Amino acid sequence: MSRVPRLLVLALVLGTIGSAVGIGLTVLFNWFFRGEPGLTGDAVARIVILSFLVGAMPVSLMWARPRKHGRD
């Protein structure tokens, strides 16, 4: 498997885990501080988009980092 598909799978996994953690923490925050464990559709969309963006940052940095040329 080449490097690009591996990094795309890593971005997908990090984004999915980030989304699940963000949704869970938002529900807990609403439950403890507002009294109702609910989410709106807008909040879910914001959490999913932000977590995929944040999850893609380290992956894009790994992709942009120059590789060593030649074999050691």
N, C-alpha and C. Protein backbone atom coordinates (compact mmCIF):
# COMPACT_ATOMS: atom_id res chain seq x y z
N MET A 1 0.85 -1.17 0.00
CA MET A 1 0.00 0.00 0.00
C MET A 1 0.89 1.23 0.00
N SER A 2 0.63 2.14 -0.90
CA SER A 2 1.46 3.33 -0.98
C SER A 2 1.12 4.30 0.16
N ARG A 3 1.84 5.38 0.21
CA ARG A 3 1.75 6.30 1.35
C ARG A 3 0.43 7.09 1.36
N VAL A 4 -0.05 7.52 0.21
CA VAL A 4 -1.23 8.38 0.15
C VAL A 4 -2.49 7.65 0.65
N PRO A 5 -2.80 6.44 0.17
CA PRO A 5 -4.00 5.77 0.70
C PRO A 5 -3.90 5.50 2.21
N ARG A 6 -2.70 5.20 2.68
CA ARG A 6 -2.52 4.97 4.10
C ARG A 6 -2.83 6.23 4.90
N LEU A 7 -2.38 7.39 4.41
CA LEU A 7 -2.64 8.65 5.10
C LEU A 7 -4.11 9.03 5.02
N LEU A 8 -4.77 8.72 3.91
CA LEU A 8 -6.20 9.01 3.80
C LEU A 8 -7.01 8.16 4.77
N VAL A 9 -6.65 6.90 4.92
CA VAL A 9 -7.32 6.04 5.89
C VAL A 9 -7.07 6.56 7.31
N LEU A 10 -5.86 7.01 7.59
CA LEU A 10 -5.54 7.57 8.89
C LEU A 10 -6.36 8.82 9.17
N ALA A 11 -6.53 9.69 8.17
CA ALA A 11 -7.35 10.89 8.33
C ALA A 11 -8.80 10.51 8.59
N LEU A 12 -9.30 9.50 7.91
CA LEU A 12 -10.68 9.05 8.11
C LEU A 12 -10.87 8.49 9.51
N VAL A 13 -9.93 7.69 9.97
CA VAL A 13 -10.01 7.11 11.31
C VAL A 13 -9.93 8.20 12.38
N LEU A 14 -8.98 9.13 12.24
CA LEU A 14 -8.86 10.20 13.22
C LEU A 14 -10.09 11.10 13.23
N GLY A 15 -10.64 11.39 12.07
CA GLY A 15 -11.85 12.21 12.00
C GLY A 15 -13.05 11.52 12.63
N THR A 16 -13.18 10.22 12.40
CA THR A 16 -14.29 9.47 12.98
C THR A 16 -14.18 9.39 14.49
N ILE A 17 -12.99 9.11 14.99
CA ILE A 17 -12.78 9.05 16.44
C ILE A 17 -13.01 10.43 17.06
N GLY A 18 -12.50 11.46 16.40
CA GLY A 18 -12.71 12.83 16.89
C GLY A 18 -14.17 13.21 16.92
N SER A 19 -14.92 12.81 15.92
CA SER A 19 -16.35 13.10 15.88
C SER A 19 -17.09 12.40 17.03
N ALA A 20 -16.77 11.14 17.24
CA ALA A 20 -17.42 10.39 18.32
C ALA A 20 -17.10 10.99 19.68
N VAL A 21 -15.84 11.35 19.90
CA VAL A 21 -15.45 11.95 21.18
C VAL A 21 -16.11 13.32 21.35
N GLY A 22 -16.12 14.13 20.30
CA GLY A 22 -16.74 15.44 20.37
C GLY A 22 -18.23 15.38 20.64
N ILE A 23 -18.92 14.47 19.99
CA ILE A 23 -20.36 14.32 20.22
C ILE A 23 -20.62 13.83 21.64
N GLY A 24 -19.82 12.87 22.09
CA GLY A 24 -19.99 12.37 23.46
C GLY A 24 -19.74 13.44 24.51
N LEU A 25 -18.68 14.22 24.34
CA LEU A 25 -18.39 15.28 25.30
C LEU A 25 -19.44 16.38 25.27
N THR A 26 -19.97 16.69 24.10
CA THR A 26 -21.03 17.70 24.00
C THR A 26 -22.30 17.23 24.69
N VAL A 27 -22.65 15.97 24.51
CA VAL A 27 -23.83 15.43 25.19
C VAL A 27 -23.64 15.46 26.70
N LEU A 28 -22.46 15.05 27.17
CA LEU A 28 -22.19 15.09 28.61
C LEU A 28 -22.23 16.51 29.15
N PHE A 29 -21.65 17.47 28.42
CA PHE A 29 -21.65 18.87 28.84
C PHE A 29 -23.09 19.39 28.94
N ASN A 30 -23.90 19.09 27.92
CA ASN A 30 -25.29 19.54 27.96
C ASN A 30 -26.05 18.89 29.10
N TRP A 31 -25.76 17.64 29.38
CA TRP A 31 -26.47 16.92 30.43
C TRP A 31 -26.11 17.48 31.81
N PHE A 32 -24.82 17.71 32.06
CA PHE A 32 -24.40 18.19 33.37
C PHE A 32 -24.70 19.66 33.60
N PHE A 33 -24.54 20.50 32.60
CA PHE A 33 -24.65 21.94 32.81
C PHE A 33 -25.96 22.56 32.33
N ARG A 34 -26.68 21.88 31.47
CA ARG A 34 -27.95 22.42 30.99
C ARG A 34 -29.14 21.57 31.39
N GLY A 35 -28.90 20.37 31.88
CA GLY A 35 -29.98 19.53 32.38
C GLY A 35 -30.62 18.62 31.37
N GLU A 36 -30.25 18.69 30.11
CA GLU A 36 -30.84 17.79 29.11
C GLU A 36 -29.75 17.28 28.16
N PRO A 37 -29.68 15.96 27.99
CA PRO A 37 -28.61 15.39 27.15
C PRO A 37 -29.00 15.37 25.67
N GLY A 38 -29.12 16.50 25.05
CA GLY A 38 -29.53 16.53 23.65
C GLY A 38 -28.53 17.27 22.77
N LEU A 39 -28.68 17.06 21.49
CA LEU A 39 -27.87 17.74 20.49
C LEU A 39 -28.77 18.22 19.36
N THR A 40 -28.40 19.34 18.78
CA THR A 40 -29.11 19.80 17.59
C THR A 40 -28.35 19.32 16.36
N GLY A 41 -29.00 19.37 15.24
CA GLY A 41 -28.36 18.97 13.99
C GLY A 41 -27.20 19.88 13.63
N ASP A 42 -27.34 21.17 13.96
CA ASP A 42 -26.26 22.12 13.68
C ASP A 42 -25.02 21.80 14.51
N ALA A 43 -25.23 21.43 15.76
CA ALA A 43 -24.10 21.11 16.64
C ALA A 43 -23.38 19.86 16.14
N VAL A 44 -24.12 18.87 15.71
CA VAL A 44 -23.50 17.65 15.18
C VAL A 44 -22.69 17.96 13.93
N ALA A 45 -23.24 18.76 13.04
CA ALA A 45 -22.52 19.12 11.80
C ALA A 45 -21.24 19.88 12.12
N ARG A 46 -21.31 20.83 13.06
CA ARG A 46 -20.11 21.58 13.44
C ARG A 46 -19.04 20.67 14.03
N ILE A 47 -19.46 19.76 14.90
CA ILE A 47 -18.50 18.85 15.55
C ILE A 47 -17.84 17.94 14.52
N VAL A 48 -18.62 17.41 13.59
CA VAL A 48 -18.07 16.50 12.58
C VAL A 48 -17.10 17.24 11.67
N ILE A 49 -17.47 18.42 11.22
CA ILE A 49 -16.58 19.17 10.33
C ILE A 49 -15.30 19.56 11.04
N LEU A 50 -15.41 20.08 12.26
CA LEU A 50 -14.22 20.48 13.00
C LEU A 50 -13.31 19.31 13.33
N SER A 51 -13.89 18.17 13.69
CA SER A 51 -13.05 17.03 14.05
C SER A 51 -12.33 16.48 12.82
N PHE A 52 -12.97 16.50 11.65
CA PHE A 52 -12.28 16.05 10.46
C PHE A 52 -11.18 17.02 10.06
N LEU A 53 -11.41 18.32 10.25
CA LEU A 53 -10.37 19.29 9.95
C LEU A 53 -9.18 19.14 10.89
N VAL A 54 -9.47 18.99 12.18
CA VAL A 54 -8.39 18.84 13.16
C VAL A 54 -7.70 17.49 12.97
N GLY A 55 -8.44 16.45 12.64
CA GLY A 55 -7.84 15.15 12.40
C GLY A 55 -6.99 15.12 11.14
N ALA A 56 -7.32 15.96 10.17
CA ALA A 56 -6.56 15.97 8.91
C ALA A 56 -5.27 16.79 9.03
N MET A 57 -5.17 17.66 10.02
CA MET A 57 -3.98 18.49 10.14
C MET A 57 -2.70 17.68 10.34
N PRO A 58 -2.63 16.78 11.33
CA PRO A 58 -1.38 16.01 11.47
C PRO A 58 -1.10 15.11 10.27
N VAL A 59 -2.17 14.61 9.65
CA VAL A 59 -1.98 13.75 8.48
C VAL A 59 -1.41 14.55 7.32
N SER A 60 -1.91 15.77 7.14
CA SER A 60 -1.38 16.59 6.05
C SER A 60 0.06 17.02 6.33
N LEU A 61 0.39 17.23 7.58
CA LEU A 61 1.78 17.55 7.92
C LEU A 61 2.70 16.37 7.65
N MET A 62 2.22 15.16 7.94
CA MET A 62 3.02 13.97 7.64
C MET A 62 3.20 13.81 6.13
N TRP A 63 2.18 14.15 5.37
CA TRP A 63 2.24 14.00 3.93
C TRP A 63 3.17 15.05 3.32
N ALA A 64 3.18 16.25 3.88
CA ALA A 64 3.99 17.34 3.34
C ALA A 64 5.45 17.24 3.75
N ARG A 65 5.74 16.49 4.81
CA ARG A 65 7.12 16.36 5.28
C ARG A 65 7.96 15.66 4.22
N PRO A 66 9.11 16.23 3.90
CA PRO A 66 9.94 15.61 2.87
C PRO A 66 10.51 14.27 3.34
N ARG A 67 10.56 13.35 2.40
CA ARG A 67 11.13 12.04 2.71
C ARG A 67 12.62 12.04 2.39
N LYS A 68 13.33 11.12 3.01
CA LYS A 68 14.75 10.95 2.71
C LYS A 68 14.87 10.35 1.31
N HIS A 69 15.82 10.84 0.58
CA HIS A 69 16.06 10.29 -0.75
C HIS A 69 17.16 9.24 -0.65
N GLY A 70 16.98 8.19 -1.36
CA GLY A 70 17.97 7.12 -1.34
C GLY A 70 17.66 6.10 -0.26
N ARG A 71 18.41 5.06 -0.27
CA ARG A 71 18.20 4.00 0.72
C ARG A 71 19.35 3.97 1.69
N ASP A 72 19.02 3.74 2.95
CA ASP A 72 20.07 3.66 3.99
C ASP A 72 20.37 2.23 4.31
